[in-house]
Amino acid sequence: MNHDVSSVEQLEAIYGEPGERAVWKELTYLNEDYQAFVKACPFVVLASVGDEGTDCSPKGDPAGFVQILDERTLAVPDRPGNNRIDNLRNIIADPRVSLLFLIPGIGETLRVNGRARISVDPDLLARFEVNGKLPKTVIVVSIDRVYFHCAKAIVRSHLWDQATQIARECLPSTGAMHRRLSGGHFDAETYDRDLQKNTAAGLY
């Protein structure tokens, strides 16, 4: 017997209709409340889709790093990383993106669906200068839909509960993972020893 759900009709039979509040919280612009979430947020997950598949990339900076250009437009700086630029490649192929805003200690999240473009406008880059350094590009998102998500997932996961946090040494170190991936030809000890210093030096 096939137990896969393969139609919208099946889904609707399982879940029923969305509640009234789930419908009215969806807007096509950032109202005052949603702007407050963006301004308080230090961490965003950017999802994109392209010819090679999908990507989900973390973006982080001090709270308010995602700037509100107007009530229908957001700007996200692209800081130094591993230069895979998976999400940027995807945006070139397909502008559709989604953003998930996470604020430490807050259960509710903010979700934005829209279309993105990549800008190297000097004036726009200058808005994101940190320590004299500019992002290489800025991702500009035109909002199609925005809505807040209730706290149930955060509550179930105990995400912000310090009692559930585990020590970093309980998982393989970054160096150890690189060594395994390289087939053993990697100096994990030196990498791990210098990781904190190198990370701080390469933030911007």
C-alpha atoms as a PDB file:
ATOM      1  CA  MET A   1       0.000   0.000   0.000  1.00  0.00           C
ATOM      2  CA  ASN A   2       1.267   3.467  -0.916  1.00  0.00           C
ATOM      3  CA  HIS A   3       1.054   5.834   2.038  1.00  0.00           C
ATOM      4  CA  ASP A   4       2.571   8.849   0.278  1.00  0.00           C
ATOM      5  CA  VAL A   5       0.508  12.018   0.085  1.00  0.00           C
ATOM      6  CA  SER A   6       0.620  13.158  -3.533  1.00  0.00           C
ATOM      7  CA  SER A   7      -2.151  15.715  -3.994  1.00  0.00           C
ATOM      8  CA  VAL A   8      -3.314  18.976  -2.484  1.00  0.00           C
ATOM      9  CA  GLU A   9      -6.723  17.408  -1.969  1.00  0.00           C
ATOM     10  CA  GLN A  10      -5.168  14.744   0.258  1.00  0.00           C
ATOM     11  CA  LEU A  11      -3.325  17.381   2.252  1.00  0.00           C
ATOM     12  CA  GLU A  12      -6.460  19.437   2.774  1.00  0.00           C
ATOM     13  CA  ALA A  13      -8.352  16.339   3.891  1.00  0.00           C
ATOM     14  CA  ILE A  14      -5.653  15.682   6.522  1.00  0.00           C
ATOM     15  CA  TYR A  15      -5.131  19.233   7.772  1.00  0.00           C
ATOM     16  CA  GLY A  16      -8.410  20.986   7.052  1.00  0.00           C
ATOM     17  CA  GLU A  17      -8.737  24.702   6.419  1.00  0.00           C
ATOM     18  CA  PRO A  18      -6.327  27.222   7.995  1.00  0.00           C
ATOM     19  CA  GLY A  19      -7.703  29.183  10.906  1.00  0.00           C
ATOM     20  CA  GLU A  20      -8.858  32.764  10.471  1.00  0.00           C
ATOM     21  CA  ARG A  21      -5.827  34.182  12.286  1.00  0.00           C
ATOM     22  CA  ALA A  22      -3.460  32.156  10.078  1.00  0.00           C
ATOM     23  CA  VAL A  23      -4.956  33.912   7.074  1.00  0.00           C
ATOM     24  CA  TRP A  24      -5.171  37.492   8.277  1.00  0.00           C
ATOM     25  CA  LYS A  25      -1.558  37.623   9.513  1.00  0.00           C
ATOM     26  CA  GLU A  26      -0.266  37.337   5.925  1.00  0.00           C
ATOM     27  CA  LEU A  27       0.522  40.717   4.366  1.00  0.00           C
ATOM     28  CA  THR A  28       2.199  41.951   1.199  1.00  0.00           C
ATOM     29  CA  TYR A  29       4.220  44.557   3.098  1.00  0.00           C
ATOM     30  CA  LEU A  30       5.970  45.110   6.420  1.00  0.00           C
ATOM     31  CA  ASN A  31       3.573  46.707   8.860  1.00  0.00           C
ATOM     32  CA  GLU A  32       4.801  48.359  12.065  1.00  0.00           C
ATOM     33  CA  ASP A  33       4.918  45.070  14.006  1.00  0.00           C
ATOM     34  CA  TYR A  34       6.775  43.174  11.307  1.00  0.00           C
ATOM     35  CA  GLN A  35       9.279  46.003  10.925  1.00  0.00           C
ATOM     36  CA  ALA A  36      10.006  45.738  14.656  1.00  0.00           C
ATOM     37  CA  PHE A  37      10.909  42.053  14.191  1.00  0.00           C
ATOM     38  CA  VAL A  38      13.283  42.833  11.325  1.00  0.00           C
ATOM     39  CA  LYS A  39      15.000  45.600  13.282  1.00  0.00           C
ATOM     40  CA  ALA A  40      15.525  43.330  16.317  1.00  0.00           C
ATOM     41  CA  CYS A  41      16.811  40.342  14.368  1.00  0.00           C
ATOM     42  CA  PRO A  42      20.519  39.310  14.279  1.00  0.00           C
ATOM     43  CA  PHE A  43      20.082  36.049  12.341  1.00  0.00           C
ATOM     44  CA  VAL A  44      18.288  35.166   9.106  1.00  0.00           C
ATOM     45  CA  VAL A  45      18.098  31.983   7.063  1.00  0.00           C
ATOM     46  CA  LEU A  46      17.889  32.641   3.312  1.00  0.00           C
ATOM     47  CA  ALA A  47      16.370  29.912   1.126  1.00  0.00           C
ATOM     48  CA  SER A  48      16.729  29.938  -2.650  1.00  0.00           C
ATOM     49  CA  VAL A  49      16.187  27.662  -5.626  1.00  0.00           C
ATOM     50  CA  GLY A  50      18.115  27.383  -8.887  1.00  0.00           C
ATOM     51  CA  ASP A  51      19.118  25.121 -11.735  1.00  0.00           C
ATOM     52  CA  GLU A  52      21.266  22.949  -9.457  1.00  0.00           C
ATOM     53  CA  GLY A  53      18.633  22.610  -6.725  1.00  0.00           C
ATOM     54  CA  THR A  54      17.908  24.405  -3.481  1.00  0.00           C
ATOM     55  CA  ASP A  55      20.029  26.169  -0.882  1.00  0.00           C
ATOM     56  CA  CYS A  56      19.508  27.380   2.677  1.00  0.00           C
ATOM     57  CA  SER A  57      22.118  29.846   3.898  1.00  0.00           C
ATOM     58  CA  PRO A  58      22.553  31.481   7.340  1.00  0.00           C
ATOM     59  CA  LYS A  59      23.130  35.231   7.513  1.00  0.00           C
ATOM     60  CA  GLY A  60      24.090  36.998  10.717  1.00  0.00           C
ATOM     61  CA  ASP A  61      25.267  40.340  12.065  1.00  0.00           C
ATOM     62  CA  PRO A  62      24.276  42.694  14.890  1.00  0.00           C
ATOM     63  CA  ALA A  63      20.530  43.175  15.251  1.00  0.00           C
ATOM     64  CA  GLY A  64      19.057  45.262  12.467  1.00  0.00           C
ATOM     65  CA  PHE A  65      21.620  44.185   9.875  1.00  0.00           C
ATOM     66  CA  VAL A  66      18.795  43.434   7.433  1.00  0.00           C
ATOM     67  CA  GLN A  67      17.814  46.930   6.416  1.00  0.00           C
ATOM     68  CA  ILE A  68      14.304  48.031   5.512  1.00  0.00           C
ATOM     69  CA  LEU A  69      14.562  50.105   2.328  1.00  0.00           C
ATOM     70  CA  ASP A  70      10.794  50.573   2.311  1.00  0.00           C
ATOM     71  CA  GLU A  71       7.787  48.605   3.524  1.00  0.00           C
ATOM     72  CA  ARG A  72       8.048  46.212   0.573  1.00  0.00           C
ATOM     73  CA  THR A  73      11.837  45.957   0.204  1.00  0.00           C
ATOM     74  CA  LEU A  74      14.626  44.457   2.336  1.00  0.00           C
ATOM     75  CA  ALA A  75      18.399  44.539   1.861  1.00  0.00           C
ATOM     76  CA  VAL A  76      20.719  41.809   3.163  1.00  0.00           C
ATOM     77  CA  PRO A  77      24.527  42.221   3.073  1.00  0.00           C
ATOM     78  CA  ASP A  78      26.514  39.230   1.859  1.00  0.00           C
ATOM     79  CA  ARG A  79      29.477  38.966   4.229  1.00  0.00           C
ATOM     80  CA  PRO A  80      32.688  36.938   3.634  1.00  0.00           C
ATOM     81  CA  GLY A  81      32.200  33.189   3.647  1.00  0.00           C
ATOM     82  CA  ASN A  82      33.392  30.122   1.833  1.00  0.00           C
ATOM     83  CA  ASN A  83      32.846  31.608  -1.642  1.00  0.00           C
ATOM     84  CA  ARG A  84      30.544  28.784  -2.708  1.00  0.00           C
ATOM     85  CA  ILE A  85      27.926  31.525  -3.346  1.00  0.00           C
ATOM     86  CA  ASP A  86      25.237  28.876  -3.781  1.00  0.00           C
ATOM     87  CA  ASN A  87      22.388  31.217  -2.958  1.00  0.00           C
ATOM     88  CA  LEU A  88      23.752  33.954  -5.236  1.00  0.00           C
ATOM     89  CA  ARG A  89      24.020  31.503  -8.113  1.00  0.00           C
ATOM     90  CA  ASN A  90      20.441  30.465  -7.459  1.00  0.00           C
ATOM     91  CA  ILE A  91      19.174  34.040  -7.422  1.00  0.00           C
ATOM     92  CA  ILE A  92      20.745  34.643 -10.825  1.00  0.00           C
ATOM     93  CA  ALA A  93      18.846  31.611 -12.155  1.00  0.00           C
ATOM     94  CA  ASP A  94      15.599  32.094 -10.224  1.00  0.00           C
ATOM     95  CA  PRO A  95      14.814  35.200  -8.130  1.00  0.00           C
ATOM     96  CA  ARG A  96      12.408  33.453  -5.743  1.00  0.00           C
ATOM     97  CA  VAL A  97      13.658  33.435  -2.140  1.00  0.00           C
ATOM     98  CA  SER A  98      12.380  32.990   1.394  1.00  0.00           C
ATOM     99  CA  LEU A  99      13.713  34.499   4.610  1.00  0.00           C
ATOM    100  CA  LEU A 100      13.259  33.183   8.142  1.00  0.00           C
ATOM    101  CA  PHE A 101      14.035  35.716  10.899  1.00  0.00           C
ATOM    102  CA  LEU A 102      15.134  34.283  14.262  1.00  0.00           C
ATOM    103  CA  ILE A 103      15.544  36.445  17.367  1.00  0.00           C
ATOM    104  CA  PRO A 104      17.279  34.923  20.423  1.00  0.00           C
ATOM    105  CA  GLY A 105      14.837  34.463  23.286  1.00  0.00           C
ATOM    106  CA  ILE A 106      11.767  35.117  21.133  1.00  0.00           C
ATOM    107  CA  GLY A 107       9.447  32.262  20.202  1.00  0.00           C
ATOM    108  CA  GLU A 108       7.746  33.816  17.206  1.00  0.00           C
ATOM    109  CA  THR A 109       9.584  33.948  13.889  1.00  0.00           C
ATOM    110  CA  LEU A 110       9.010  36.109  10.829  1.00  0.00           C
ATOM    111  CA  ARG A 111       8.743  34.601   7.361  1.00  0.00           C
ATOM    112  CA  VAL A 112       9.194  36.531   4.120  1.00  0.00           C
ATOM    113  CA  ASN A 113       8.656  35.201   0.611  1.00  0.00           C
ATOM    114  CA  GLY A 114       9.711  37.330  -2.328  1.00  0.00           C
ATOM    115  CA  ARG A 115      12.011  37.921  -5.276  1.00  0.00           C
ATOM    116  CA  ALA A 116      15.646  38.879  -4.976  1.00  0.00           C
ATOM    117  CA  ARG A 117      18.257  40.675  -7.027  1.00  0.00           C
ATOM    118  CA  ILE A 118      21.974  41.114  -6.382  1.00  0.00           C
ATOM    119  CA  SER A 119      23.317  44.661  -6.205  1.00  0.00           C
ATOM    120  CA  VAL A 120      26.785  46.214  -6.214  1.00  0.00           C
ATOM    121  CA  ASP A 121      25.437  49.773  -6.038  1.00  0.00           C
ATOM    122  CA  PRO A 122      28.206  51.727  -4.220  1.00  0.00           C
ATOM    123  CA  ASP A 123      25.706  53.740  -2.183  1.00  0.00           C
ATOM    124  CA  LEU A 124      23.901  50.599  -1.090  1.00  0.00           C
ATOM    125  CA  LEU A 125      27.133  48.778  -0.217  1.00  0.00           C
ATOM    126  CA  ALA A 126      28.216  51.772   1.859  1.00  0.00           C
ATOM    127  CA  ARG A 127      25.138  51.405   4.091  1.00  0.00           C
ATOM    128  CA  PHE A 128      26.583  48.122   5.361  1.00  0.00           C
ATOM    129  CA  GLU A 129      30.161  49.202   6.064  1.00  0.00           C
ATOM    130  CA  VAL A 130      31.688  47.626   9.177  1.00  0.00           C
ATOM    131  CA  ASN A 131      35.202  48.435  10.366  1.00  0.00           C
ATOM    132  CA  GLY A 132      35.926  50.103   7.046  1.00  0.00           C
ATOM    133  CA  LYS A 133      34.931  47.007   5.067  1.00  0.00           C
ATOM    134  CA  LEU A 134      32.043  46.625   2.646  1.00  0.00           C
ATOM    135  CA  PRO A 135      30.102  43.519   1.684  1.00  0.00           C
ATOM    136  CA  LYS A 136      30.887  42.306  -1.823  1.00  0.00           C
ATOM    137  CA  THR A 137      27.205  42.380  -2.744  1.00  0.00           C
ATOM    138  CA  VAL A 138      23.812  43.178  -1.260  1.00  0.00           C
ATOM    139  CA  ILE A 139      20.776  40.951  -1.760  1.00  0.00           C
ATOM    140  CA  VAL A 140      17.714  43.125  -2.330  1.00  0.00           C
ATOM    141  CA  VAL A 141      14.421  41.341  -1.660  1.00  0.00           C
ATOM    142  CA  SER A 142      11.078  42.568  -2.996  1.00  0.00           C
ATOM    143  CA  ILE A 143       8.400  41.228  -0.670  1.00  0.00           C
ATOM    144  CA  ASP A 144       5.520  39.157  -2.013  1.00  0.00           C
ATOM    145  CA  ARG A 145       4.257  37.799   1.294  1.00  0.00           C
ATOM    146  CA  VAL A 146       5.219  38.271   4.930  1.00  0.00           C
ATOM    147  CA  TYR A 147       3.753  36.760   8.065  1.00  0.00           C
ATOM    148  CA  PHE A 148       4.761  35.820  11.581  1.00  0.00           C
ATOM    149  CA  HIS A 149       4.914  32.200  12.702  1.00  0.00           C
ATOM    150  CA  CYS A 150       3.728  31.082  16.123  1.00  0.00           C
ATOM    151  CA  ALA A 151       6.170  29.895  18.795  1.00  0.00           C
ATOM    152  CA  LYS A 152       5.259  26.185  18.835  1.00  0.00           C
ATOM    153  CA  ALA A 153       8.377  24.949  16.994  1.00  0.00           C
ATOM    154  CA  ILE A 154      10.666  26.990  19.254  1.00  0.00           C
ATOM    155  CA  VAL A 155       8.827  25.799  22.366  1.00  0.00           C
ATOM    156  CA  ARG A 156       8.925  22.145  21.296  1.00  0.00           C
ATOM    157  CA  SER A 157      12.640  22.320  20.480  1.00  0.00           C
ATOM    158  CA  HIS A 158      13.602  24.276  23.644  1.00  0.00           C
ATOM    159  CA  LEU A 159      15.842  26.226  21.270  1.00  0.00           C
ATOM    160  CA  TRP A 160      16.528  29.144  23.609  1.00  0.00           C
ATOM    161  CA  ASP A 161      16.652  27.054  26.811  1.00  0.00           C
ATOM    162  CA  GLN A 162      20.227  27.112  28.112  1.00  0.00           C
ATOM    163  CA  ALA A 163      19.634  23.857  29.962  1.00  0.00           C
ATOM    164  CA  THR A 164      19.319  22.012  26.647  1.00  0.00           C
ATOM    165  CA  GLN A 165      22.490  23.434  25.096  1.00  0.00           C
ATOM    166  CA  ILE A 166      25.326  20.960  24.598  1.00  0.00           C
ATOM    167  CA  ALA A 167      29.065  21.556  24.902  1.00  0.00           C
ATOM    168  CA  ARG A 168      30.875  22.041  21.594  1.00  0.00           C
ATOM    169  CA  GLU A 169      33.246  19.165  22.397  1.00  0.00           C
ATOM    170  CA  CYS A 170      30.298  16.750  22.284  1.00  0.00           C
ATOM    171  CA  LEU A 171      30.425  16.973  18.477  1.00  0.00           C
ATOM    172  CA  PRO A 172      33.307  16.517  16.027  1.00  0.00           C
ATOM    173  CA  SER A 173      35.436  19.652  15.798  1.00  0.00           C
ATOM    174  CA  THR A 174      35.608  21.628  12.572  1.00  0.00           C
ATOM    175  CA  GLY A 175      39.165  20.471  12.052  1.00  0.00           C
ATOM    176  CA  ALA A 176      38.221  16.838  12.671  1.00  0.00           C
ATOM    177  CA  MET A 177      35.453  17.048  10.083  1.00  0.00           C
ATOM    178  CA  HIS A 178      37.847  18.559   7.531  1.00  0.00           C
ATOM    179  CA  ARG A 179      40.367  15.817   8.258  1.00  0.00           C
ATOM    180  CA  ARG A 180      37.793  13.072   7.716  1.00  0.00           C
ATOM    181  CA  LEU A 181      36.516  14.706   4.524  1.00  0.00           C
ATOM    182  CA  SER A 182      40.067  15.031   3.177  1.00  0.00           C
ATOM    183  CA  GLY A 183      40.806  11.370   3.780  1.00  0.00           C
ATOM    184  CA  GLY A 184      43.109  12.183   6.672  1.00  0.00           C
ATOM    185  CA  HIS A 185      45.303  14.692   4.835  1.00  0.00           C
ATOM    186  CA  PHE A 186      44.491  17.733   6.958  1.00  0.00           C
ATOM    187  CA  ASP A 187      46.123  19.309  10.024  1.00  0.00           C
ATOM    188  CA  ALA A 188      43.072  19.321  12.279  1.00  0.00           C
ATOM    189  CA  GLU A 189      44.921  20.284  15.456  1.00  0.00           C
ATOM    190  CA  THR A 190      46.415  23.471  14.006  1.00  0.00           C
ATOM    191  CA  TYR A 191      43.140  24.385  12.351  1.00  0.00           C
ATOM    192  CA  ASP A 192      41.140  23.975  15.559  1.00  0.00           C
ATOM    193  CA  ARG A 193      43.751  25.835  17.610  1.00  0.00           C
ATOM    194  CA  ASP A 194      43.631  28.876  15.328  1.00  0.00           C
ATOM    195  CA  LEU A 195      39.913  28.700  14.441  1.00  0.00           C
ATOM    196  CA  GLN A 196      38.632  31.323  16.860  1.00  0.00           C
ATOM    197  CA  LYS A 197      41.332  33.808  15.875  1.00  0.00           C
ATOM    198  CA  ASN A 198      40.883  33.191  12.149  1.00  0.00           C
ATOM    199  CA  THR A 199      37.114  33.416  12.395  1.00  0.00           C
ATOM    200  CA  ALA A 200      37.297  36.776  14.158  1.00  0.00           C
ATOM    201  CA  ALA A 201      39.787  38.073  11.582  1.00  0.00           C
ATOM    202  CA  GLY A 202      37.553  37.063   8.668  1.00  0.00           C
ATOM    203  CA  LEU A 203      34.157  38.289   9.853  1.00  0.00           C
ATOM    204  CA  TYR A 204      34.162  41.307   7.550  1.00  0.00           C
END
